[in-house]
Amino acid sequence: MSVRLSGPPEDARGSRVDTAKLRSRARRVLRAAGHAGSELSLSLVDDDEMAELNRRFRGIDRPTDVLSFSLVEGEAAEHRGKLLGDVVIGVEMAERQAREAHRGFDHEVARLLIHGLLHLLGHDHEEPSAAKAMRAEERRIWRSLED
């Protein structure tokens, strides 16, 4: 199991991402999702880079909190090896969301990691039943981090 982490560990407001903790959590999340033998690429980006990615790949001209680029489905699936895909976390957005929800920054980053990984694995929240199933899986995986 491997986690490739890239990007600045600090956002514009000076929040530090505990990269050792994030890597450890990512490995635990992969294990809880049944993908202990898989690899994950995880990128931390600022609002400008996230807005560019969101514009380029989703046609939405603003930053978002997390994007997932799955290699599990589609043309590249047969060539992906152990790599599930890329999860991109917007650290500035995570900081704002953590503050608004009155939770810690590391907690918010872990929440986005779980959400992004589930998107890599094919979960979505477009339909109410799919959203309910995804929330239940997010809670189940979150509990694995609390052990």
N, C-alpha and C. Protein backbone atom coordinates (compact mmCIF):
# COMPACT_ATOMS: atom_id res chain seq x y z
N MET A 1 0.85 -1.16 0.00
CA MET A 1 0.00 0.00 0.00
C MET A 1 0.90 1.23 0.00
N SER A 2 0.57 2.16 -0.88
CA SER A 2 1.43 3.32 -1.03
C SER A 2 0.58 4.57 -1.22
N VAL A 3 1.05 5.66 -0.65
CA VAL A 3 0.40 6.95 -0.80
C VAL A 3 1.45 7.93 -1.32
N ARG A 4 1.20 8.49 -2.49
CA ARG A 4 2.08 9.52 -3.06
C ARG A 4 1.47 10.87 -2.73
N LEU A 5 2.19 11.68 -2.02
CA LEU A 5 1.68 12.97 -1.57
C LEU A 5 2.47 14.08 -2.24
N SER A 6 1.76 15.02 -2.85
CA SER A 6 2.43 16.15 -3.48
C SER A 6 1.68 17.43 -3.17
N GLY A 7 2.36 18.52 -3.34
CA GLY A 7 1.74 19.82 -3.13
C GLY A 7 2.26 20.51 -1.90
N PRO A 8 1.95 21.77 -1.79
CA PRO A 8 2.44 22.53 -0.64
C PRO A 8 1.73 22.11 0.64
N PRO A 9 2.47 21.87 1.71
CA PRO A 9 1.84 21.47 2.96
C PRO A 9 1.24 22.65 3.71
N GLU A 10 1.33 23.84 3.12
CA GLU A 10 0.84 25.02 3.81
C GLU A 10 -0.06 25.81 2.87
N ASP A 11 -1.20 26.28 3.38
CA ASP A 11 -2.06 27.08 2.52
C ASP A 11 -1.72 28.56 2.71
N ALA A 12 -2.43 29.42 2.02
CA ALA A 12 -2.14 30.85 2.05
C ALA A 12 -2.32 31.47 3.43
N ARG A 13 -3.11 30.86 4.26
CA ARG A 13 -3.34 31.40 5.60
C ARG A 13 -2.37 30.81 6.62
N GLY A 14 -1.47 29.95 6.18
CA GLY A 14 -0.47 29.42 7.09
C GLY A 14 -0.84 28.13 7.78
N SER A 15 -1.97 27.52 7.44
CA SER A 15 -2.34 26.25 8.07
C SER A 15 -1.39 25.15 7.60
N ARG A 16 -0.87 24.42 8.52
CA ARG A 16 0.04 23.33 8.19
C ARG A 16 -0.74 22.02 8.07
N VAL A 17 -0.45 21.29 7.01
CA VAL A 17 -0.98 19.95 6.86
C VAL A 17 0.05 19.03 7.50
N ASP A 18 -0.39 18.24 8.44
CA ASP A 18 0.48 17.25 9.08
C ASP A 18 0.62 16.10 8.09
N THR A 19 1.67 16.14 7.25
CA THR A 19 1.80 15.18 6.17
C THR A 19 2.01 13.75 6.67
N ALA A 20 2.71 13.58 7.78
CA ALA A 20 2.88 12.23 8.33
C ALA A 20 1.53 11.67 8.76
N LYS A 21 0.74 12.49 9.43
CA LYS A 21 -0.59 12.06 9.87
C LYS A 21 -1.50 11.78 8.67
N LEU A 22 -1.41 12.63 7.65
CA LEU A 22 -2.23 12.44 6.45
C LEU A 22 -1.86 11.15 5.74
N ARG A 23 -0.58 10.86 5.59
CA ARG A 23 -0.16 9.60 4.96
C ARG A 23 -0.66 8.40 5.76
N SER A 24 -0.52 8.46 7.07
CA SER A 24 -0.99 7.38 7.93
C SER A 24 -2.50 7.19 7.78
N ARG A 25 -3.21 8.29 7.80
CA ARG A 25 -4.67 8.21 7.65
C ARG A 25 -5.04 7.67 6.27
N ALA A 26 -4.33 8.08 5.25
CA ALA A 26 -4.62 7.60 3.89
C ALA A 26 -4.44 6.09 3.81
N ARG A 27 -3.38 5.57 4.44
CA ARG A 27 -3.18 4.12 4.45
C ARG A 27 -4.32 3.42 5.20
N ARG A 28 -4.75 3.98 6.32
CA ARG A 28 -5.85 3.40 7.08
C ARG A 28 -7.17 3.46 6.31
N VAL A 29 -7.38 4.55 5.60
CA VAL A 29 -8.59 4.70 4.78
C VAL A 29 -8.58 3.68 3.65
N LEU A 30 -7.45 3.50 2.99
CA LEU A 30 -7.35 2.49 1.94
C LEU A 30 -7.67 1.10 2.49
N ARG A 31 -7.10 0.79 3.64
CA ARG A 31 -7.34 -0.51 4.28
C ARG A 31 -8.83 -0.67 4.59
N ALA A 32 -9.44 0.34 5.18
CA ALA A 32 -10.87 0.27 5.55
C ALA A 32 -11.77 0.15 4.32
N ALA A 33 -11.32 0.71 3.20
CA ALA A 33 -12.11 0.64 1.96
C ALA A 33 -11.88 -0.67 1.21
N GLY A 34 -11.04 -1.56 1.77
CA GLY A 34 -10.78 -2.84 1.13
C GLY A 34 -9.73 -2.78 0.05
N HIS A 35 -8.86 -1.77 0.11
CA HIS A 35 -7.83 -1.59 -0.90
C HIS A 35 -6.45 -1.45 -0.28
N ALA A 36 -6.15 -2.32 0.66
CA ALA A 36 -4.86 -2.27 1.36
C ALA A 36 -3.69 -2.45 0.40
N GLY A 37 -3.88 -3.14 -0.69
CA GLY A 37 -2.80 -3.38 -1.64
C GLY A 37 -2.72 -2.35 -2.75
N SER A 38 -3.52 -1.32 -2.66
CA SER A 38 -3.58 -0.31 -3.72
C SER A 38 -2.69 0.89 -3.44
N GLU A 39 -2.54 1.71 -4.46
CA GLU A 39 -1.80 2.96 -4.34
C GLU A 39 -2.74 4.12 -4.58
N LEU A 40 -2.41 5.25 -3.96
CA LEU A 40 -3.22 6.46 -4.07
C LEU A 40 -2.29 7.65 -4.28
N SER A 41 -2.65 8.49 -5.21
CA SER A 41 -1.95 9.75 -5.40
C SER A 41 -2.79 10.84 -4.75
N LEU A 42 -2.18 11.62 -3.89
CA LEU A 42 -2.88 12.64 -3.13
C LEU A 42 -2.15 13.96 -3.32
N SER A 43 -2.87 14.97 -3.81
CA SER A 43 -2.28 16.29 -4.04
C SER A 43 -2.98 17.34 -3.21
N LEU A 44 -2.19 18.25 -2.66
CA LEU A 44 -2.70 19.37 -1.88
C LEU A 44 -2.46 20.63 -2.70
N VAL A 45 -3.52 21.37 -2.97
CA VAL A 45 -3.40 22.55 -3.84
C VAL A 45 -4.08 23.76 -3.21
N ASP A 46 -3.74 24.94 -3.72
CA ASP A 46 -4.38 26.16 -3.24
C ASP A 46 -5.62 26.45 -4.09
N ASP A 47 -6.34 27.52 -3.75
CA ASP A 47 -7.58 27.87 -4.46
C ASP A 47 -7.36 28.11 -5.94
N ASP A 48 -6.27 28.77 -6.30
CA ASP A 48 -6.02 29.07 -7.72
C ASP A 48 -5.86 27.80 -8.54
N GLU A 49 -5.07 26.87 -8.03
CA GLU A 49 -4.87 25.61 -8.76
C GLU A 49 -6.15 24.79 -8.79
N MET A 50 -6.88 24.78 -7.67
CA MET A 50 -8.13 24.01 -7.63
C MET A 50 -9.16 24.60 -8.59
N ALA A 51 -9.24 25.93 -8.66
CA ALA A 51 -10.17 26.57 -9.59
C ALA A 51 -9.82 26.20 -11.04
N GLU A 52 -8.53 26.18 -11.35
CA GLU A 52 -8.09 25.82 -12.69
C GLU A 52 -8.48 24.37 -13.01
N LEU A 53 -8.24 23.46 -12.08
CA LEU A 53 -8.62 22.05 -12.30
C LEU A 53 -10.13 21.90 -12.45
N ASN A 54 -10.88 22.58 -11.60
CA ASN A 54 -12.34 22.51 -11.64
C ASN A 54 -12.86 23.06 -12.97
N ARG A 55 -12.27 24.15 -13.43
CA ARG A 55 -12.66 24.75 -14.71
C ARG A 55 -12.33 23.81 -15.86
N ARG A 56 -11.13 23.27 -15.82
CA ARG A 56 -10.66 22.42 -16.92
C ARG A 56 -11.42 21.10 -17.04
N PHE A 57 -11.69 20.46 -15.90
CA PHE A 57 -12.27 19.12 -15.95
C PHE A 57 -13.77 19.06 -15.68
N ARG A 58 -14.32 20.12 -15.07
CA ARG A 58 -15.75 20.10 -14.77
C ARG A 58 -16.50 21.29 -15.36
N GLY A 59 -15.78 22.24 -15.93
CA GLY A 59 -16.41 23.42 -16.52
C GLY A 59 -16.99 24.37 -15.49
N ILE A 60 -16.51 24.29 -14.25
CA ILE A 60 -17.01 25.14 -13.17
C ILE A 60 -15.88 26.10 -12.77
N ASP A 61 -16.14 27.39 -12.91
CA ASP A 61 -15.10 28.39 -12.75
C ASP A 61 -14.98 28.90 -11.32
N ARG A 62 -14.65 28.00 -10.41
CA ARG A 62 -14.40 28.36 -9.01
C ARG A 62 -13.70 27.18 -8.33
N PRO A 63 -13.04 27.45 -7.22
CA PRO A 63 -12.40 26.33 -6.51
C PRO A 63 -13.46 25.44 -5.85
N THR A 64 -13.08 24.23 -5.57
CA THR A 64 -13.91 23.30 -4.83
C THR A 64 -13.05 22.66 -3.76
N ASP A 65 -13.63 21.82 -2.94
CA ASP A 65 -12.86 21.25 -1.84
C ASP A 65 -12.06 20.02 -2.22
N VAL A 66 -12.61 19.17 -3.07
CA VAL A 66 -11.92 17.93 -3.44
C VAL A 66 -12.33 17.52 -4.85
N LEU A 67 -11.37 17.02 -5.60
CA LEU A 67 -11.61 16.44 -6.92
C LEU A 67 -10.97 15.06 -6.95
N SER A 68 -11.59 14.17 -7.69
CA SER A 68 -11.06 12.81 -7.83
C SER A 68 -10.93 12.47 -9.30
N PHE A 69 -9.82 11.86 -9.63
CA PHE A 69 -9.55 11.44 -11.00
C PHE A 69 -9.27 9.94 -10.96
N SER A 70 -10.31 9.17 -11.21
CA SER A 70 -10.25 7.73 -11.05
C SER A 70 -9.56 7.03 -12.21
N LEU A 71 -8.77 6.03 -11.86
CA LEU A 71 -8.20 5.14 -12.85
C LEU A 71 -8.87 3.76 -12.77
N VAL A 72 -9.86 3.65 -11.92
CA VAL A 72 -10.57 2.38 -11.73
C VAL A 72 -11.50 2.12 -12.90
N GLU A 73 -12.06 3.19 -13.45
CA GLU A 73 -12.99 3.08 -14.57
C GLU A 73 -12.41 3.79 -15.78
N GLY A 74 -12.94 3.48 -16.94
CA GLY A 74 -12.53 4.18 -18.15
C GLY A 74 -11.40 3.48 -18.90
N GLU A 75 -10.88 4.21 -19.88
CA GLU A 75 -9.88 3.66 -20.79
C GLU A 75 -8.59 3.22 -20.10
N ALA A 76 -8.18 3.94 -19.08
CA ALA A 76 -6.90 3.66 -18.43
C ALA A 76 -6.97 2.52 -17.42
N ALA A 77 -8.15 2.03 -17.13
CA ALA A 77 -8.33 1.05 -16.05
C ALA A 77 -7.45 -0.19 -16.21
N GLU A 78 -7.32 -0.69 -17.41
CA GLU A 78 -6.54 -1.91 -17.60
C GLU A 78 -5.03 -1.70 -17.48
N HIS A 79 -4.60 -0.44 -17.48
CA HIS A 79 -3.17 -0.14 -17.42
C HIS A 79 -2.76 0.51 -16.10
N ARG A 80 -3.64 0.59 -15.15
CA ARG A 80 -3.39 1.37 -13.94
C ARG A 80 -2.52 0.69 -12.91
N GLY A 81 -2.35 -0.61 -13.00
CA GLY A 81 -1.61 -1.32 -11.97
C GLY A 81 -2.35 -1.22 -10.64
N LYS A 82 -1.63 -0.87 -9.58
CA LYS A 82 -2.25 -0.76 -8.26
C LYS A 82 -2.81 0.63 -7.98
N LEU A 83 -2.53 1.60 -8.85
CA LEU A 83 -2.93 2.98 -8.62
C LEU A 83 -4.42 3.17 -8.86
N LEU A 84 -5.13 3.61 -7.82
CA LEU A 84 -6.58 3.86 -7.93
C LEU A 84 -6.87 5.16 -8.66
N GLY A 85 -5.99 6.13 -8.51
CA GLY A 85 -6.18 7.44 -9.13
C GLY A 85 -5.66 8.54 -8.24
N ASP A 86 -6.12 9.76 -8.54
CA ASP A 86 -5.65 10.95 -7.85
C ASP A 86 -6.79 11.59 -7.06
N VAL A 87 -6.51 11.96 -5.83
CA VAL A 87 -7.41 12.78 -5.03
C VAL A 87 -6.70 14.11 -4.83
N VAL A 88 -7.39 15.19 -5.19
CA VAL A 88 -6.83 16.53 -5.07
C VAL A 88 -7.65 17.28 -4.02
N ILE A 89 -6.96 17.75 -2.98
CA ILE A 89 -7.64 18.45 -1.88
C ILE A 89 -7.25 19.91 -1.91
N GLY A 90 -8.25 20.77 -1.91
CA GLY A 90 -8.03 22.20 -1.84
C GLY A 90 -7.84 22.62 -0.39
N VAL A 91 -6.60 22.93 -0.01
CA VAL A 91 -6.31 23.20 1.40
C VAL A 91 -6.93 24.52 1.88
N GLU A 92 -7.01 25.52 1.01
CA GLU A 92 -7.64 26.77 1.44
C GLU A 92 -9.13 26.58 1.67
N MET A 93 -9.78 25.82 0.80
CA MET A 93 -11.20 25.52 0.98
C MET A 93 -11.40 24.67 2.23
N ALA A 94 -10.52 23.72 2.45
CA ALA A 94 -10.60 22.87 3.65
C ALA A 94 -10.49 23.72 4.91
N GLU A 95 -9.60 24.69 4.88
CA GLU A 95 -9.44 25.60 6.03
C GLU A 95 -10.74 26.36 6.30
N ARG A 96 -11.34 26.90 5.25
CA ARG A 96 -12.60 27.65 5.42
C ARG A 96 -13.72 26.75 5.93
N GLN A 97 -13.82 25.56 5.35
CA GLN A 97 -14.88 24.64 5.76
C GLN A 97 -14.70 24.18 7.20
N ALA A 98 -13.46 23.94 7.59
CA ALA A 98 -13.19 23.53 8.97
C ALA A 98 -13.63 24.62 9.93
N ARG A 99 -13.28 25.84 9.60
CA ARG A 99 -13.64 26.97 10.46
C ARG A 99 -15.17 27.12 10.55
N GLU A 100 -15.86 27.03 9.41
CA GLU A 100 -17.32 27.18 9.38
C GLU A 100 -18.02 26.07 10.13
N ALA A 101 -17.46 24.86 10.08
CA ALA A 101 -18.08 23.70 10.74
C ALA A 101 -17.59 23.51 12.17
N HIS A 102 -16.69 24.39 12.61
CA HIS A 102 -16.13 24.31 13.97
C HIS A 102 -15.47 22.96 14.22
N ARG A 103 -14.65 22.55 13.27
CA ARG A 103 -13.86 21.33 13.46
C ARG A 103 -12.43 21.63 13.06
N GLY A 104 -11.54 20.73 13.45
CA GLY A 104 -10.13 20.93 13.17
C GLY A 104 -9.80 20.80 11.70
N PHE A 105 -8.72 21.47 11.31
CA PHE A 105 -8.25 21.43 9.93
C PHE A 105 -7.88 20.01 9.52
N ASP A 106 -7.14 19.27 10.35
CA ASP A 106 -6.76 17.89 10.03
C ASP A 106 -8.00 17.01 9.86
N HIS A 107 -9.01 17.25 10.68
CA HIS A 107 -10.27 16.52 10.58
C HIS A 107 -10.90 16.76 9.20
N GLU A 108 -10.94 18.02 8.78
CA GLU A 108 -11.55 18.36 7.49
C GLU A 108 -10.77 17.74 6.33
N VAL A 109 -9.45 17.79 6.39
CA VAL A 109 -8.64 17.19 5.33
C VAL A 109 -8.89 15.69 5.27
N ALA A 110 -9.00 15.03 6.41
CA ALA A 110 -9.29 13.59 6.43
C ALA A 110 -10.67 13.30 5.87
N ARG A 111 -11.64 14.15 6.18
CA ARG A 111 -13.00 13.99 5.65
C ARG A 111 -12.97 14.08 4.13
N LEU A 112 -12.22 15.03 3.60
CA LEU A 112 -12.12 15.19 2.14
C LEU A 112 -11.36 14.03 1.50
N LEU A 113 -10.36 13.52 2.17
CA LEU A 113 -9.64 12.34 1.70
C LEU A 113 -10.60 11.17 1.53
N ILE A 114 -11.41 10.91 2.54
CA ILE A 114 -12.37 9.81 2.48
C ILE A 114 -13.36 10.03 1.34
N HIS A 115 -13.90 11.23 1.26
CA HIS A 115 -14.88 11.55 0.22
C HIS A 115 -14.27 11.36 -1.18
N GLY A 116 -13.06 11.87 -1.36
CA GLY A 116 -12.40 11.74 -2.65
C GLY A 116 -12.09 10.31 -3.02
N LEU A 117 -11.63 9.52 -2.03
CA LEU A 117 -11.34 8.11 -2.30
C LEU A 117 -12.60 7.37 -2.71
N LEU A 118 -13.70 7.64 -2.05
CA LEU A 118 -14.95 6.96 -2.42
C LEU A 118 -15.36 7.31 -3.85
N HIS A 119 -15.13 8.55 -4.27
CA HIS A 119 -15.38 8.89 -5.68
C HIS A 119 -14.48 8.08 -6.60
N LEU A 120 -13.22 7.89 -6.23
CA LEU A 120 -12.32 7.06 -7.05
C LEU A 120 -12.87 5.66 -7.23
N LEU A 121 -13.51 5.17 -6.18
CA LEU A 121 -14.02 3.79 -6.18
C LEU A 121 -15.41 3.67 -6.79
N GLY A 122 -15.94 4.78 -7.33
CA GLY A 122 -17.20 4.72 -8.06
C GLY A 122 -18.42 5.23 -7.32
N HIS A 123 -18.26 5.68 -6.10
CA HIS A 123 -19.41 6.25 -5.37
C HIS A 123 -19.71 7.64 -5.89
N ASP A 124 -20.98 8.01 -5.82
CA ASP A 124 -21.34 9.39 -6.14
C ASP A 124 -22.51 9.80 -5.26
N HIS A 125 -22.92 11.05 -5.41
CA HIS A 125 -24.02 11.57 -4.59
C HIS A 125 -25.00 12.35 -5.44
N GLU A 126 -25.15 11.91 -6.69
CA GLU A 126 -26.07 12.57 -7.61
C GLU A 126 -27.53 12.25 -7.29
N GLU A 127 -27.80 11.01 -6.99
CA GLU A 127 -29.17 10.58 -6.65
C GLU A 127 -29.27 10.40 -5.15
N PRO A 128 -30.45 10.65 -4.57
CA PRO A 128 -30.59 10.53 -3.10
C PRO A 128 -30.16 9.19 -2.53
N SER A 129 -30.49 8.10 -3.19
CA SER A 129 -30.11 6.79 -2.66
C SER A 129 -28.60 6.58 -2.71
N ALA A 130 -27.96 7.06 -3.78
CA ALA A 130 -26.50 6.95 -3.88
C ALA A 130 -25.82 7.85 -2.85
N ALA A 131 -26.38 9.03 -2.63
CA ALA A 131 -25.82 9.95 -1.63
C ALA A 131 -25.92 9.34 -0.24
N LYS A 132 -27.04 8.70 0.05
CA LYS A 132 -27.22 8.07 1.36
C LYS A 132 -26.21 6.94 1.55
N ALA A 133 -26.02 6.13 0.51
CA ALA A 133 -25.05 5.03 0.59
C ALA A 133 -23.63 5.57 0.75
N MET A 134 -23.32 6.64 0.05
CA MET A 134 -21.98 7.21 0.15
C MET A 134 -21.75 7.78 1.55
N ARG A 135 -22.72 8.48 2.10
CA ARG A 135 -22.58 9.01 3.47
C ARG A 135 -22.37 7.89 4.48
N ALA A 136 -23.09 6.79 4.30
CA ALA A 136 -22.94 5.66 5.22
C ALA A 136 -21.53 5.08 5.12
N GLU A 137 -21.01 4.98 3.92
CA GLU A 137 -19.65 4.45 3.74
C GLU A 137 -18.62 5.43 4.30
N GLU A 138 -18.85 6.72 4.13
CA GLU A 138 -17.96 7.73 4.72
C GLU A 138 -17.91 7.57 6.24
N ARG A 139 -19.07 7.40 6.86
CA ARG A 139 -19.11 7.22 8.32
C ARG A 139 -18.39 5.94 8.74
N ARG A 140 -18.60 4.86 7.99
CA ARG A 140 -17.95 3.60 8.33
C ARG A 140 -16.43 3.74 8.27
N ILE A 141 -15.94 4.36 7.22
CA ILE A 141 -14.50 4.52 7.06
C ILE A 141 -13.97 5.50 8.13
N TRP A 142 -14.71 6.54 8.41
CA TRP A 142 -14.28 7.50 9.43
C TRP A 142 -14.08 6.79 10.78
N ARG A 143 -14.97 5.88 11.10
CA ARG A 143 -14.84 5.13 12.36
C ARG A 143 -13.54 4.34 12.41
N SER A 144 -13.03 3.90 11.28
CA SER A 144 -11.76 3.17 11.25
C SER A 144 -10.60 4.08 11.64
N LEU A 145 -10.75 5.38 11.46
CA LEU A 145 -9.70 6.31 11.85
C LEU A 145 -9.73 6.60 13.35
N GLU A 146 -10.87 6.37 13.96
CA GLU A 146 -11.02 6.67 15.38
C GLU A 146 -10.49 5.55 16.28
N ASP A 147 -10.26 4.38 15.70
CA ASP A 147 -9.77 3.23 16.49
C ASP A 147 -8.38 3.46 17.02
